[in-house]
Protein backbone atom coordinates (compact mmCIF):
# COMPACT_ATOMS: atom_id res chain seq x y z
CA UNK A 1 0.00 0.00 0.00
CA UNK A 2 1.60 3.31 -1.04
CA UNK A 3 1.55 6.56 0.93
CA UNK A 4 -0.33 8.30 -1.83
CA UNK A 5 -3.21 5.81 -1.72
CA UNK A 6 -6.23 7.01 0.23
CA UNK A 7 -7.02 5.05 3.33
CA UNK A 8 -10.65 4.08 3.66
CA UNK A 9 -11.83 4.38 7.29
CA UNK A 10 -14.45 1.72 6.61
CA UNK A 11 -11.63 -0.63 5.59
CA UNK A 12 -9.89 -0.01 8.92
CA UNK A 13 -13.09 -0.68 10.82
CA UNK A 14 -13.74 -3.81 8.77
CA UNK A 15 -10.24 -5.18 9.49
CA UNK A 16 -10.62 -4.60 13.23
CA UNK A 17 -14.08 -6.20 13.23
CA UNK A 18 -12.78 -9.25 11.33
CA UNK A 19 -9.91 -9.71 13.77
CA UNK A 20 -12.12 -9.24 16.82
CA UNK A 21 -14.74 -11.63 15.41
CA UNK A 22 -12.15 -14.34 14.91
CA UNK A 23 -9.94 -13.78 18.00
CA UNK A 24 -12.12 -11.69 20.37
CA UNK A 25 -9.43 -8.98 20.43
CA UNK A 26 -6.75 -7.49 18.16
CA UNK A 27 -4.28 -8.26 20.93
CA UNK A 28 -5.15 -11.97 20.76
CA UNK A 29 -4.59 -12.27 16.99
CA UNK A 30 -1.54 -14.27 15.89
CA UNK A 31 1.30 -12.39 14.21
CA UNK A 32 0.75 -14.15 10.89
CA UNK A 33 -2.95 -13.21 10.55
CA UNK A 34 -3.46 -11.53 7.16
CA UNK A 35 -5.94 -8.96 8.54
CA UNK A 36 -3.57 -8.03 11.35
CA UNK A 37 -0.69 -7.64 8.88
CA UNK A 38 -2.80 -5.35 6.71
CA UNK A 39 -3.92 -3.33 9.73
CA UNK A 40 -0.28 -2.89 10.83
CA UNK A 41 0.73 -1.83 7.31
CA UNK A 42 -1.90 0.92 7.42
CA UNK A 43 -0.68 1.89 10.90
CA UNK A 44 2.87 2.28 9.57
CA UNK A 45 1.60 4.69 6.94
CA UNK A 46 0.00 6.85 9.64
CA UNK A 47 3.14 6.65 11.77
CA UNK A 48 5.37 7.68 8.85
CA UNK A 49 3.18 10.71 8.13
CA UNK A 50 3.79 12.14 11.60
CA UNK A 51 7.09 13.95 12.17
CA UNK A 52 9.21 12.23 14.77
CA UNK A 53 10.85 14.27 17.49
CA UNK A 54 14.39 13.62 18.51
CA UNK A 55 15.81 14.87 21.81
CA UNK A 56 17.32 17.99 20.25
CA UNK A 57 14.03 18.93 18.56
CA UNK A 58 12.19 18.43 21.85
CA UNK A 59 14.70 20.72 23.57
CA UNK A 60 14.19 23.34 20.85
CA UNK A 61 10.41 23.20 21.25
CA UNK A 62 10.73 23.53 25.04
CA UNK A 63 12.96 26.60 24.64
CA UNK A 64 10.40 28.22 22.33
CA UNK A 65 7.60 27.40 24.79
CA UNK A 66 9.63 29.13 27.50
CA UNK A 67 9.73 32.23 25.30
CA UNK A 68 13.23 32.28 23.84
CA UNK A 69 13.74 33.88 20.43
CA UNK A 70 15.14 31.93 17.43
CA UNK A 71 18.66 33.35 17.71
CA UNK A 72 18.96 32.46 21.39
CA UNK A 73 17.51 28.97 20.80
CA UNK A 74 20.12 28.40 18.07
CA UNK A 75 22.90 29.53 20.39
CA UNK A 76 21.71 27.34 23.26
CA UNK A 77 21.52 24.14 21.16
CA UNK A 78 24.44 24.99 18.86
CA UNK A 79 22.74 25.10 15.47
CA UNK A 80 22.34 27.81 12.85
CA UNK A 81 19.55 30.34 12.74
CA UNK A 82 18.58 28.99 9.31
CA UNK A 83 18.14 25.49 10.72
CA UNK A 84 16.10 26.89 13.62
CA UNK A 85 13.72 28.63 11.18
CA UNK A 86 13.41 25.40 9.20
CA UNK A 87 12.41 23.53 12.38
CA UNK A 88 9.97 26.30 13.31
CA UNK A 89 8.26 25.79 9.98
CA UNK A 90 8.33 21.99 10.25
CA UNK A 91 6.75 21.94 13.72
CA UNK A 92 4.61 25.05 13.17
CA UNK A 93 6.24 26.90 16.06
CA UNK A 94 5.44 30.53 16.68
CA UNK A 95 7.52 32.65 18.99
CA UNK A 96 6.30 34.24 22.18
CA UNK A 97 7.08 37.88 22.85
CA UNK A 98 10.15 38.99 24.77
CA UNK A 99 10.60 42.43 26.25
CA UNK A 100 13.40 44.99 26.60
CA UNK A 101 11.82 47.11 29.36
CA UNK A 102 10.30 46.24 32.71
CA UNK A 103 8.46 48.69 34.97
CA UNK A 104 8.52 47.85 38.66
CA UNK A 105 7.18 49.38 41.83
CA UNK A 106 9.65 50.91 44.32
CA UNK A 107 9.89 47.55 46.11
CA UNK A 108 10.86 45.80 42.86
CA UNK A 109 7.54 44.11 42.06
CA UNK A 110 7.21 43.76 38.26
CA UNK A 111 4.17 45.60 36.91
CA UNK A 112 4.58 45.84 33.14
CA UNK A 113 6.79 44.85 30.22
CA UNK A 114 7.32 46.43 26.80
CA UNK A 115 9.80 46.66 23.96
CA UNK A 116 9.62 50.42 23.74
CA UNK A 117 9.43 53.35 26.12
CA UNK A 118 6.85 55.14 23.98
CA UNK A 119 4.18 52.55 24.82
CA UNK A 120 4.95 52.90 28.53
CA UNK A 121 4.81 56.69 28.39
CA UNK A 122 1.53 56.59 26.44
CA UNK A 123 0.04 54.18 28.99
CA UNK A 124 0.67 56.81 31.69
CA UNK A 125 -0.46 59.68 29.43
CA UNK A 126 2.92 61.38 29.51
CA UNK A 127 3.64 64.15 27.00
CA UNK A 128 4.79 63.03 23.56
CA UNK A 129 7.40 65.78 23.26
CA UNK A 130 9.54 64.74 26.24
CA UNK A 131 12.78 62.81 26.09
CA UNK A 132 13.10 59.25 27.34
CA UNK A 133 15.12 60.49 30.30
CA UNK A 134 12.40 62.98 31.26
CA UNK A 135 9.69 60.32 31.04
CA UNK A 136 11.69 57.89 33.15
CA UNK A 137 12.26 60.60 35.79
CA UNK A 138 8.52 61.43 35.96
CA UNK A 139 7.70 57.75 36.45
CA UNK A 140 10.41 57.48 39.13
CA UNK A 141 8.92 60.44 41.02
CA UNK A 142 5.61 58.55 41.00
CA UNK A 143 7.12 55.37 42.46
CA UNK A 144 7.76 53.46 39.24
CA UNK A 145 11.17 52.26 38.08
CA UNK A 146 11.92 51.53 34.42
CA UNK A 147 14.56 48.83 34.00
CA UNK A 148 16.27 47.69 30.85
CA UNK A 149 18.86 44.98 30.71
CA UNK A 150 21.46 43.52 28.40
CA UNK A 151 19.15 40.56 27.82
CA UNK A 152 15.46 40.65 27.09
CA UNK A 153 12.85 39.41 29.52
CA UNK A 154 11.49 36.19 28.04
CA UNK A 155 7.90 35.02 28.33
CA UNK A 156 8.58 32.50 31.09
CA UNK A 157 10.21 35.28 33.19
CA UNK A 158 6.96 37.24 33.31
CA UNK A 159 4.93 36.59 36.44
CA UNK A 160 1.16 36.30 36.16
CA UNK A 161 -0.96 39.43 36.53
CA UNK A 162 1.47 41.84 34.87
CA UNK A 163 0.78 44.00 31.84
CA UNK A 164 2.68 43.47 28.61
CA UNK A 165 2.68 45.42 25.37
CA UNK A 166 2.45 43.27 22.25
CA UNK A 167 1.57 44.19 18.66
CA UNK A 168 0.28 47.63 19.59
CA UNK A 169 -1.91 46.65 22.57
CA UNK A 170 -1.62 46.11 26.30
CA UNK A 171 -2.54 42.70 27.72
CA UNK A 172 -2.61 41.07 31.15
CA UNK A 173 -0.64 37.83 31.51
CA UNK A 174 -2.72 35.22 33.27
C-alpha atoms as a PDB file:
ATOM      1  CA  UNK A   1       0.000   0.000   0.000  1.00  0.00           C
ATOM      2  CA  UNK A   2       1.604   3.315  -1.043  1.00  0.00           C
ATOM      3  CA  UNK A   3       1.554   6.564   0.932  1.00  0.00           C
ATOM      4  CA  UNK A   4      -0.334   8.298  -1.833  1.00  0.00           C
ATOM      5  CA  UNK A   5      -3.205   5.815  -1.719  1.00  0.00           C
ATOM      6  CA  UNK A   6      -6.228   7.013   0.225  1.00  0.00           C
ATOM      7  CA  UNK A   7      -7.018   5.048   3.335  1.00  0.00           C
ATOM      8  CA  UNK A   8     -10.650   4.083   3.665  1.00  0.00           C
ATOM      9  CA  UNK A   9     -11.828   4.380   7.289  1.00  0.00           C
ATOM     10  CA  UNK A  10     -14.453   1.716   6.605  1.00  0.00           C
ATOM     11  CA  UNK A  11     -11.629  -0.626   5.594  1.00  0.00           C
ATOM     12  CA  UNK A  12      -9.892  -0.013   8.923  1.00  0.00           C
ATOM     13  CA  UNK A  13     -13.088  -0.682  10.823  1.00  0.00           C
ATOM     14  CA  UNK A  14     -13.739  -3.809   8.769  1.00  0.00           C
ATOM     15  CA  UNK A  15     -10.244  -5.177   9.493  1.00  0.00           C
ATOM     16  CA  UNK A  16     -10.618  -4.597  13.234  1.00  0.00           C
ATOM     17  CA  UNK A  17     -14.076  -6.200  13.231  1.00  0.00           C
ATOM     18  CA  UNK A  18     -12.778  -9.247  11.330  1.00  0.00           C
ATOM     19  CA  UNK A  19      -9.909  -9.711  13.775  1.00  0.00           C
ATOM     20  CA  UNK A  20     -12.118  -9.240  16.816  1.00  0.00           C
ATOM     21  CA  UNK A  21     -14.736 -11.631  15.408  1.00  0.00           C
ATOM     22  CA  UNK A  22     -12.147 -14.339  14.913  1.00  0.00           C
ATOM     23  CA  UNK A  23      -9.943 -13.784  17.998  1.00  0.00           C
ATOM     24  CA  UNK A  24     -12.119 -11.688  20.373  1.00  0.00           C
ATOM     25  CA  UNK A  25      -9.426  -8.980  20.434  1.00  0.00           C
ATOM     26  CA  UNK A  26      -6.754  -7.491  18.165  1.00  0.00           C
ATOM     27  CA  UNK A  27      -4.279  -8.265  20.935  1.00  0.00           C
ATOM     28  CA  UNK A  28      -5.153 -11.972  20.762  1.00  0.00           C
ATOM     29  CA  UNK A  29      -4.590 -12.270  16.991  1.00  0.00           C
ATOM     30  CA  UNK A  30      -1.537 -14.273  15.887  1.00  0.00           C
ATOM     31  CA  UNK A  31       1.305 -12.388  14.208  1.00  0.00           C
ATOM     32  CA  UNK A  32       0.751 -14.146  10.893  1.00  0.00           C
ATOM     33  CA  UNK A  33      -2.950 -13.211  10.552  1.00  0.00           C
ATOM     34  CA  UNK A  34      -3.457 -11.533   7.160  1.00  0.00           C
ATOM     35  CA  UNK A  35      -5.936  -8.957   8.535  1.00  0.00           C
ATOM     36  CA  UNK A  36      -3.572  -8.029  11.353  1.00  0.00           C
ATOM     37  CA  UNK A  37      -0.689  -7.636   8.882  1.00  0.00           C
ATOM     38  CA  UNK A  38      -2.797  -5.350   6.706  1.00  0.00           C
ATOM     39  CA  UNK A  39      -3.921  -3.329   9.730  1.00  0.00           C
ATOM     40  CA  UNK A  40      -0.285  -2.891  10.831  1.00  0.00           C
ATOM     41  CA  UNK A  41       0.728  -1.831   7.313  1.00  0.00           C
ATOM     42  CA  UNK A  42      -1.897   0.916   7.421  1.00  0.00           C
ATOM     43  CA  UNK A  43      -0.682   1.890  10.904  1.00  0.00           C
ATOM     44  CA  UNK A  44       2.870   2.278   9.566  1.00  0.00           C
ATOM     45  CA  UNK A  45       1.603   4.690   6.936  1.00  0.00           C
ATOM     46  CA  UNK A  46      -0.002   6.853   9.645  1.00  0.00           C
ATOM     47  CA  UNK A  47       3.138   6.653  11.771  1.00  0.00           C
ATOM     48  CA  UNK A  48       5.371   7.682   8.853  1.00  0.00           C
ATOM     49  CA  UNK A  49       3.183  10.708   8.126  1.00  0.00           C
ATOM     50  CA  UNK A  50       3.794  12.137  11.598  1.00  0.00           C
ATOM     51  CA  UNK A  51       7.087  13.948  12.173  1.00  0.00           C
ATOM     52  CA  UNK A  52       9.210  12.234  14.767  1.00  0.00           C
ATOM     53  CA  UNK A  53      10.853  14.268  17.486  1.00  0.00           C
ATOM     54  CA  UNK A  54      14.394  13.622  18.509  1.00  0.00           C
ATOM     55  CA  UNK A  55      15.810  14.872  21.807  1.00  0.00           C
ATOM     56  CA  UNK A  56      17.318  17.991  20.250  1.00  0.00           C
ATOM     57  CA  UNK A  57      14.034  18.935  18.564  1.00  0.00           C
ATOM     58  CA  UNK A  58      12.188  18.428  21.853  1.00  0.00           C
ATOM     59  CA  UNK A  59      14.701  20.719  23.571  1.00  0.00           C
ATOM     60  CA  UNK A  60      14.191  23.343  20.855  1.00  0.00           C
ATOM     61  CA  UNK A  61      10.413  23.197  21.247  1.00  0.00           C
ATOM     62  CA  UNK A  62      10.733  23.532  25.037  1.00  0.00           C
ATOM     63  CA  UNK A  63      12.960  26.602  24.638  1.00  0.00           C
ATOM     64  CA  UNK A  64      10.396  28.221  22.334  1.00  0.00           C
ATOM     65  CA  UNK A  65       7.600  27.397  24.786  1.00  0.00           C
ATOM     66  CA  UNK A  66       9.633  29.126  27.498  1.00  0.00           C
ATOM     67  CA  UNK A  67       9.734  32.228  25.299  1.00  0.00           C
ATOM     68  CA  UNK A  68      13.234  32.278  23.843  1.00  0.00           C
ATOM     69  CA  UNK A  69      13.735  33.880  20.426  1.00  0.00           C
ATOM     70  CA  UNK A  70      15.136  31.932  17.428  1.00  0.00           C
ATOM     71  CA  UNK A  71      18.664  33.347  17.708  1.00  0.00           C
ATOM     72  CA  UNK A  72      18.958  32.459  21.390  1.00  0.00           C
ATOM     73  CA  UNK A  73      17.511  28.973  20.803  1.00  0.00           C
ATOM     74  CA  UNK A  74      20.116  28.402  18.073  1.00  0.00           C
ATOM     75  CA  UNK A  75      22.903  29.534  20.392  1.00  0.00           C
ATOM     76  CA  UNK A  76      21.714  27.335  23.256  1.00  0.00           C
ATOM     77  CA  UNK A  77      21.519  24.144  21.157  1.00  0.00           C
ATOM     78  CA  UNK A  78      24.441  24.993  18.857  1.00  0.00           C
ATOM     79  CA  UNK A  79      22.741  25.099  15.468  1.00  0.00           C
ATOM     80  CA  UNK A  80      22.345  27.808  12.849  1.00  0.00           C
ATOM     81  CA  UNK A  81      19.551  30.338  12.742  1.00  0.00           C
ATOM     82  CA  UNK A  82      18.576  28.990   9.307  1.00  0.00           C
ATOM     83  CA  UNK A  83      18.142  25.493  10.718  1.00  0.00           C
ATOM     84  CA  UNK A  84      16.097  26.886  13.615  1.00  0.00           C
ATOM     85  CA  UNK A  85      13.723  28.628  11.182  1.00  0.00           C
ATOM     86  CA  UNK A  86      13.406  25.396   9.196  1.00  0.00           C
ATOM     87  CA  UNK A  87      12.410  23.535  12.377  1.00  0.00           C
ATOM     88  CA  UNK A  88       9.972  26.298  13.308  1.00  0.00           C
ATOM     89  CA  UNK A  89       8.257  25.793   9.977  1.00  0.00           C
ATOM     90  CA  UNK A  90       8.334  21.987  10.253  1.00  0.00           C
ATOM     91  CA  UNK A  91       6.750  21.935  13.719  1.00  0.00           C
ATOM     92  CA  UNK A  92       4.605  25.052  13.171  1.00  0.00           C
ATOM     93  CA  UNK A  93       6.244  26.901  16.060  1.00  0.00           C
ATOM     94  CA  UNK A  94       5.435  30.533  16.676  1.00  0.00           C
ATOM     95  CA  UNK A  95       7.521  32.652  18.989  1.00  0.00           C
ATOM     96  CA  UNK A  96       6.302  34.237  22.178  1.00  0.00           C
ATOM     97  CA  UNK A  97       7.084  37.877  22.854  1.00  0.00           C
ATOM     98  CA  UNK A  98      10.152  38.987  24.775  1.00  0.00           C
ATOM     99  CA  UNK A  99      10.603  42.433  26.252  1.00  0.00           C
ATOM    100  CA  UNK A 100      13.396  44.993  26.595  1.00  0.00           C
ATOM    101  CA  UNK A 101      11.821  47.110  29.364  1.00  0.00           C
ATOM    102  CA  UNK A 102      10.298  46.244  32.714  1.00  0.00           C
ATOM    103  CA  UNK A 103       8.464  48.691  34.966  1.00  0.00           C
ATOM    104  CA  UNK A 104       8.519  47.850  38.660  1.00  0.00           C
ATOM    105  CA  UNK A 105       7.179  49.380  41.832  1.00  0.00           C
ATOM    106  CA  UNK A 106       9.652  50.911  44.319  1.00  0.00           C
ATOM    107  CA  UNK A 107       9.885  47.553  46.109  1.00  0.00           C
ATOM    108  CA  UNK A 108      10.858  45.800  42.855  1.00  0.00           C
ATOM    109  CA  UNK A 109       7.541  44.113  42.065  1.00  0.00           C
ATOM    110  CA  UNK A 110       7.213  43.760  38.257  1.00  0.00           C
ATOM    111  CA  UNK A 111       4.170  45.596  36.915  1.00  0.00           C
ATOM    112  CA  UNK A 112       4.576  45.839  33.144  1.00  0.00           C
ATOM    113  CA  UNK A 113       6.788  44.847  30.215  1.00  0.00           C
ATOM    114  CA  UNK A 114       7.316  46.428  26.803  1.00  0.00           C
ATOM    115  CA  UNK A 115       9.801  46.663  23.963  1.00  0.00           C
ATOM    116  CA  UNK A 116       9.624  50.421  23.742  1.00  0.00           C
ATOM    117  CA  UNK A 117       9.431  53.346  26.117  1.00  0.00           C
ATOM    118  CA  UNK A 118       6.854  55.143  23.977  1.00  0.00           C
ATOM    119  CA  UNK A 119       4.181  52.546  24.818  1.00  0.00           C
ATOM    120  CA  UNK A 120       4.948  52.896  28.533  1.00  0.00           C
ATOM    121  CA  UNK A 121       4.810  56.690  28.394  1.00  0.00           C
ATOM    122  CA  UNK A 122       1.528  56.593  26.441  1.00  0.00           C
ATOM    123  CA  UNK A 123       0.044  54.183  28.989  1.00  0.00           C
ATOM    124  CA  UNK A 124       0.673  56.807  31.694  1.00  0.00           C
ATOM    125  CA  UNK A 125      -0.462  59.683  29.435  1.00  0.00           C
ATOM    126  CA  UNK A 126       2.921  61.381  29.514  1.00  0.00           C
ATOM    127  CA  UNK A 127       3.638  64.148  26.999  1.00  0.00           C
ATOM    128  CA  UNK A 128       4.789  63.033  23.558  1.00  0.00           C
ATOM    129  CA  UNK A 129       7.404  65.781  23.258  1.00  0.00           C
ATOM    130  CA  UNK A 130       9.542  64.743  26.238  1.00  0.00           C
ATOM    131  CA  UNK A 131      12.783  62.812  26.092  1.00  0.00           C
ATOM    132  CA  UNK A 132      13.098  59.252  27.344  1.00  0.00           C
ATOM    133  CA  UNK A 133      15.123  60.487  30.305  1.00  0.00           C
ATOM    134  CA  UNK A 134      12.404  62.983  31.260  1.00  0.00           C
ATOM    135  CA  UNK A 135       9.689  60.323  31.042  1.00  0.00           C
ATOM    136  CA  UNK A 136      11.690  57.887  33.149  1.00  0.00           C
ATOM    137  CA  UNK A 137      12.256  60.604  35.786  1.00  0.00           C
ATOM    138  CA  UNK A 138       8.523  61.428  35.958  1.00  0.00           C
ATOM    139  CA  UNK A 139       7.696  57.746  36.449  1.00  0.00           C
ATOM    140  CA  UNK A 140      10.410  57.478  39.125  1.00  0.00           C
ATOM    141  CA  UNK A 141       8.925  60.441  41.022  1.00  0.00           C
ATOM    142  CA  UNK A 142       5.611  58.551  41.001  1.00  0.00           C
ATOM    143  CA  UNK A 143       7.118  55.370  42.464  1.00  0.00           C
ATOM    144  CA  UNK A 144       7.762  53.456  39.242  1.00  0.00           C
ATOM    145  CA  UNK A 145      11.170  52.264  38.077  1.00  0.00           C
ATOM    146  CA  UNK A 146      11.924  51.528  34.418  1.00  0.00           C
ATOM    147  CA  UNK A 147      14.557  48.832  33.998  1.00  0.00           C
ATOM    148  CA  UNK A 148      16.271  47.693  30.847  1.00  0.00           C
ATOM    149  CA  UNK A 149      18.861  44.979  30.711  1.00  0.00           C
ATOM    150  CA  UNK A 150      21.456  43.523  28.396  1.00  0.00           C
ATOM    151  CA  UNK A 151      19.154  40.564  27.823  1.00  0.00           C
ATOM    152  CA  UNK A 152      15.458  40.646  27.089  1.00  0.00           C
ATOM    153  CA  UNK A 153      12.845  39.414  29.516  1.00  0.00           C
ATOM    154  CA  UNK A 154      11.492  36.192  28.039  1.00  0.00           C
ATOM    155  CA  UNK A 155       7.900  35.015  28.327  1.00  0.00           C
ATOM    156  CA  UNK A 156       8.585  32.497  31.090  1.00  0.00           C
ATOM    157  CA  UNK A 157      10.208  35.279  33.190  1.00  0.00           C
ATOM    158  CA  UNK A 158       6.958  37.245  33.307  1.00  0.00           C
ATOM    159  CA  UNK A 159       4.929  36.592  36.437  1.00  0.00           C
ATOM    160  CA  UNK A 160       1.160  36.301  36.158  1.00  0.00           C
ATOM    161  CA  UNK A 161      -0.956  39.430  36.527  1.00  0.00           C
ATOM    162  CA  UNK A 162       1.473  41.844  34.868  1.00  0.00           C
ATOM    163  CA  UNK A 163       0.778  44.002  31.844  1.00  0.00           C
ATOM    164  CA  UNK A 164       2.676  43.468  28.615  1.00  0.00           C
ATOM    165  CA  UNK A 165       2.675  45.421  25.370  1.00  0.00           C
ATOM    166  CA  UNK A 166       2.453  43.274  22.247  1.00  0.00           C
ATOM    167  CA  UNK A 167       1.569  44.186  18.657  1.00  0.00           C
ATOM    168  CA  UNK A 168       0.282  47.628  19.595  1.00  0.00           C
ATOM    169  CA  UNK A 169      -1.908  46.652  22.569  1.00  0.00           C
ATOM    170  CA  UNK A 170      -1.619  46.111  26.303  1.00  0.00           C
ATOM    171  CA  UNK A 171      -2.544  42.699  27.721  1.00  0.00           C
ATOM    172  CA  UNK A 172      -2.606  41.068  31.146  1.00  0.00           C
ATOM    173  CA  UNK A 173      -0.636  37.832  31.515  1.00  0.00           C
ATOM    174  CA  UNK A 174      -2.723  35.217  33.270  1.00  0.00           C
END
